[in-house]
Protein backbone atom coordinates (compact mmCIF):
# COMPACT_ATOMS: atom_id res chain seq x y z
CA MET A 1 0.00 0.00 0.00
CA LYS A 2 2.83 2.35 0.93
CA LYS A 3 4.54 1.61 -2.38
CA ILE A 4 1.36 2.45 -4.32
CA ILE A 5 1.01 5.77 -2.48
CA LEU A 6 4.63 6.64 -3.31
CA ILE A 7 4.09 5.82 -6.99
CA LEU A 8 0.94 7.95 -7.13
CA ALA A 9 2.73 10.77 -5.39
CA PHE A 10 5.58 10.56 -7.90
CA PHE A 11 3.29 10.78 -10.93
CA GLY A 12 1.26 13.52 -9.26
CA ALA A 13 4.40 15.56 -8.71
CA LEU A 14 5.48 14.89 -12.30
CA SER A 15 2.14 16.12 -13.65
CA PHE A 16 2.28 19.15 -11.37
CA GLY A 17 5.76 19.92 -12.70
CA PHE A 18 4.53 19.83 -16.29
CA ALA A 19 1.57 22.08 -15.37
CA GLN A 20 3.90 24.49 -13.62
CA SER A 21 6.22 24.57 -16.62
CA THR A 22 3.33 25.28 -18.98
CA SER A 23 2.06 28.04 -16.71
CA GLU A 24 5.52 29.58 -16.47
CA PHE A 25 5.96 29.35 -20.23
CA PHE A 26 2.74 31.24 -21.00
CA LYS A 27 3.56 33.88 -18.36
CA THR A 28 7.10 34.36 -19.67
CA ALA A 29 5.96 34.40 -23.31
CA ASP A 30 3.31 37.02 -22.52
CA ALA A 31 5.90 39.28 -20.87
CA PHE A 32 8.31 38.82 -23.78
CA PHE A 33 5.78 39.76 -26.45
CA LYS A 34 4.55 42.74 -24.43
CA ALA A 35 8.13 44.03 -24.12
CA ASN A 36 9.19 43.48 -27.72
CA VAL A 37 6.17 43.77 -30.03
CA SER A 38 4.25 46.90 -30.95
CA ASN A 39 1.71 47.43 -33.74
CA GLY A 40 2.60 44.04 -35.19
CA LYS A 41 6.30 44.89 -35.45
CA VAL A 42 9.16 43.26 -33.55
CA ALA A 43 12.06 45.04 -31.84
CA TYR A 44 14.72 42.75 -33.31
CA SER A 45 17.56 45.20 -32.69
CA LYS A 46 16.59 45.50 -29.03
CA ILE A 47 16.33 41.72 -28.64
CA ASN A 48 19.66 41.23 -30.38
CA ASP A 49 21.36 43.66 -27.99
CA ASN A 50 19.85 41.99 -24.93
CA PRO A 51 18.88 38.39 -25.81
CA GLU A 52 18.61 37.03 -22.25
CA ALA A 53 14.78 37.09 -22.17
CA LEU A 54 14.61 35.29 -25.52
CA HIS A 55 17.13 32.67 -24.35
CA LYS A 56 15.09 32.04 -21.19
CA LEU A 57 11.90 31.64 -23.20
CA VAL A 58 13.52 29.32 -25.72
CA SER A 59 14.87 27.18 -22.86
CA LEU A 60 11.36 26.84 -21.46
CA THR A 61 10.02 25.54 -24.79
CA GLU A 62 12.56 22.72 -24.89
CA THR A 63 11.25 20.53 -22.08
CA ILE A 64 7.55 21.34 -21.85
CA SER A 65 5.11 18.49 -22.43
CA VAL A 66 1.73 19.13 -24.04
CA SER A 67 -0.96 16.70 -25.19
CA LYS A 68 -3.55 16.94 -27.96
CA ASN A 69 -6.03 15.71 -25.36
CA ASP A 70 -5.86 19.22 -23.91
CA ALA A 71 -6.41 20.84 -27.30
CA LYS A 72 -6.40 24.50 -26.27
CA THR A 73 -3.19 24.23 -24.25
CA TYR A 74 -1.58 22.23 -27.06
CA GLN A 75 -2.60 24.71 -29.77
CA ALA A 76 -1.68 27.80 -27.72
CA PHE A 77 1.72 26.32 -26.90
CA TRP A 78 2.61 25.48 -30.50
CA ILE A 79 1.37 28.81 -31.86
CA ASN A 80 3.55 30.67 -29.38
CA ALA A 81 6.44 28.27 -29.97
CA TYR A 82 6.24 28.97 -33.71
CA ASN A 83 6.25 32.75 -33.27
CA ILE A 84 9.09 32.58 -30.74
CA SER A 85 11.14 30.31 -33.00
CA VAL A 86 10.72 32.70 -35.93
CA ILE A 87 12.13 35.48 -33.76
CA LYS A 88 14.98 33.23 -32.61
CA GLY A 89 15.75 32.29 -36.21
CA ILE A 90 15.98 35.95 -37.18
CA ILE A 91 18.15 36.83 -34.17
CA ASP A 92 20.43 33.87 -34.94
CA ASN A 93 21.05 35.44 -38.37
CA TYR A 94 20.80 39.11 -37.40
CA PRO A 95 21.08 41.53 -39.13
CA ILE A 96 18.84 40.15 -41.86
CA LYS A 97 16.42 41.89 -44.24
CA SER A 98 14.05 38.95 -44.75
CA PRO A 99 13.61 35.44 -43.35
CA LEU A 100 14.13 34.19 -46.91
CA ASP A 101 17.70 35.56 -46.81
CA LYS A 102 18.52 32.49 -44.70
CA ALA A 103 18.31 29.33 -46.83
CA GLY A 104 16.07 26.72 -45.24
CA PHE A 105 14.66 29.17 -42.68
CA PHE A 106 11.27 27.43 -42.67
CA ASP A 107 12.03 23.90 -43.84
CA LYS A 108 15.62 23.08 -42.81
CA THR A 109 16.51 24.95 -39.61
CA LYS A 110 15.46 22.89 -36.59
CA TYR A 111 14.52 23.99 -33.08
CA LYS A 112 14.45 21.97 -29.88
CA ILE A 113 10.84 22.19 -28.72
CA ALA A 114 8.89 19.91 -26.37
CA GLY A 115 11.57 17.23 -26.55
CA GLU A 116 11.69 17.25 -30.36
CA SER A 117 13.93 18.65 -33.07
CA ILE A 118 11.50 20.35 -35.42
CA THR A 119 11.28 22.90 -38.26
CA LEU A 120 8.87 25.81 -38.52
CA ASN A 121 7.06 24.10 -41.39
CA ASP A 122 6.61 20.98 -39.27
CA ILE A 123 5.07 23.01 -36.44
CA GLU A 124 2.61 24.61 -38.83
CA ASN A 125 1.77 21.61 -40.97
CA LYS A 126 2.15 18.60 -38.67
CA LYS A 127 1.48 19.94 -35.18
CA LEU A 128 -1.39 22.28 -36.06
CA ARG A 129 -2.91 22.07 -39.55
CA ALA A 130 -2.88 18.28 -39.82
CA GLN A 131 -4.22 17.78 -36.30
CA PHE A 132 -7.02 20.36 -36.17
CA GLY A 133 -7.74 21.71 -39.66
CA ASP A 134 -8.48 25.23 -38.42
CA ALA A 135 -7.76 27.78 -41.17
CA ARG A 136 -7.57 30.53 -38.56
CA PHE A 137 -4.08 29.31 -37.66
CA HIS A 138 -2.85 31.20 -40.73
CA PHE A 139 -3.69 34.50 -39.07
CA VAL A 140 -1.81 33.85 -35.82
CA LEU A 141 1.33 32.09 -37.08
CA VAL A 142 3.61 34.98 -38.02
CA CYS A 143 6.52 34.26 -40.37
CA GLY A 144 8.61 37.36 -39.60
CA ALA A 145 7.58 39.25 -42.73
CA ASN A 146 5.44 42.31 -43.45
CA GLY A 147 3.15 40.20 -45.63
CA CYS A 148 2.06 38.20 -42.57
CA PRO A 149 -0.92 39.13 -40.44
CA PRO A 150 0.35 41.18 -37.48
CA LEU A 151 2.01 39.60 -34.47
CA ILE A 152 0.14 40.50 -31.28
CA ASN A 153 1.94 41.87 -28.23
CA LYS A 154 0.79 39.11 -25.93
CA ALA A 155 0.89 35.35 -25.71
CA TYR A 156 -1.86 33.07 -26.97
CA LEU A 157 -3.34 31.45 -23.87
CA PRO A 158 -5.49 28.32 -23.50
CA THR A 159 -8.24 30.28 -21.72
CA THR A 160 -8.45 33.00 -24.38
CA LEU A 161 -7.34 31.11 -27.50
CA GLU A 162 -10.75 30.84 -29.17
CA LYS A 163 -11.40 34.59 -28.84
CA GLN A 164 -7.86 35.38 -29.98
CA LEU A 165 -8.12 33.16 -33.07
CA GLN A 166 -11.44 34.74 -33.98
CA LYS A 167 -10.25 38.31 -33.37
CA GLN A 168 -7.01 38.02 -35.34
CA THR A 169 -8.80 36.40 -38.28
CA GLU A 170 -11.39 39.18 -38.29
CA ILE A 171 -8.67 41.84 -38.12
CA ALA A 172 -6.82 40.37 -41.09
CA LEU A 173 -9.85 39.75 -43.28
CA ASN A 174 -11.31 43.22 -42.68
CA ASN A 175 -7.98 44.93 -43.40
CA SER A 176 -8.08 46.66 -46.79
CA ASN A 177 -4.32 46.21 -47.16
CA PHE A 178 -4.67 42.46 -46.69
CA ILE A 179 -7.91 41.84 -48.61
CA LYS A 180 -7.93 44.32 -51.51
CA VAL A 181 -11.42 44.80 -52.93
CA LYS A 182 -11.85 46.76 -56.17
CA LYS A 183 -15.42 46.72 -57.54
CA ASN A 184 -15.93 43.17 -58.87
CA LYS A 185 -12.34 42.10 -58.21
CA VAL A 186 -10.57 41.01 -55.04
CA GLU A 187 -6.84 40.56 -54.52
CA LEU A 188 -5.86 38.12 -51.80
CA SER A 189 -2.65 37.42 -49.92
CA GLU A 190 -0.71 34.51 -51.38
CA ILE A 191 -1.50 32.72 -48.11
CA PHE A 192 -4.81 31.89 -49.78
CA LYS A 193 -2.95 30.48 -52.79
CA TRP A 194 -0.41 28.43 -50.86
CA TYR A 195 -2.98 26.92 -48.48
CA LYS A 196 -6.07 27.03 -50.65
CA GLU A 197 -7.32 23.63 -49.46
CA ASP A 198 -7.73 25.07 -45.95
CA PHE A 199 -10.06 27.83 -47.15
CA VAL A 200 -12.37 25.99 -49.55
CA LYS A 201 -13.58 23.11 -47.36
CA ASN A 202 -17.08 24.58 -47.07
CA GLY A 203 -17.27 26.75 -50.18
CA SER A 204 -15.06 29.23 -51.99
CA GLU A 205 -12.30 31.46 -50.66
CA ILE A 206 -14.74 34.37 -50.73
CA ASP A 207 -17.27 32.35 -48.71
CA PHE A 208 -14.61 31.78 -46.06
CA ILE A 209 -13.55 35.43 -46.00
CA ASN A 210 -17.14 36.69 -45.79
CA THR A 211 -17.67 34.62 -42.65
CA PHE A 212 -15.39 37.10 -40.87
CA ARG A 213 -16.02 40.34 -42.78
CA THR A 214 -18.27 43.25 -41.91
CA ASP A 215 -18.51 44.42 -45.55
CA LYS A 216 -19.19 41.29 -47.57
CA ILE A 217 -17.44 40.65 -50.87
CA ALA A 218 -19.60 39.82 -53.90
CA THR A 219 -19.44 36.06 -54.33
CA LYS A 220 -18.83 36.34 -58.08
CA SER A 221 -15.86 38.68 -57.68
CA LYS A 222 -12.78 37.75 -59.71
CA VAL A 223 -10.03 36.45 -57.39
CA SER A 224 -6.32 37.09 -57.88
CA TYR A 225 -3.29 37.10 -55.57
CA TYR A 226 -0.86 39.94 -54.89
CA ALA A 227 2.85 39.37 -54.29
CA TYR A 228 3.85 38.53 -50.74
CA ASN A 229 5.96 41.10 -48.94
CA TRP A 230 8.87 39.19 -47.41
CA ASN A 231 10.61 42.24 -45.89
CA LEU A 232 11.29 41.83 -42.17
CA ASN A 233 8.48 42.90 -39.83
CA LYS A 234 10.85 45.01 -37.78
CA GLN A 235 10.15 48.10 -35.69
């Protein structure tokens, strides 16, 4: 009986440790984004001069354990981990004018996260898109470029994730610089071209966009895609 109690206590402490680590991660990530992001732009120069906060945050991501069974915690963790890793990748190559200036930035460079060695593309495509099929991920995963939807100055949290996903998608799809409507024509970000299958599951791209727009786009509008702006989203 005593042995059973000790075993239960051990696993209870282990679970508590994971919970504590997750809680500390979200708290630390929130403080980092608040200190270094403004109006969707990142203070890369400031971070490069004083990288201690970034190093601490990156260290936290390495050993945290999250499960798909707790979907909101899992999604919030990997969204933040993606955005943090993009910043780390840029700082590792700083100064840099665009993430594309570093060959393999998205598909070759690996980061140690949650006990794995993983690329940015794998986080987006395997950890999030393949598991949950939520097209709103495209408006919260920020690739370090001006063409991306804006990075928010706070962490994505399990308790607020649904509202945050909804809000950031609405912001992007109501932004006239992101969705360019001209009479019976609409120009879309190349995000809609690259990930088209995510946006046409229940209709057309316009049907998806109109779900989140205040001013609806005519469903028969001619769709085209404007060139993505890969310049660094720096302050």
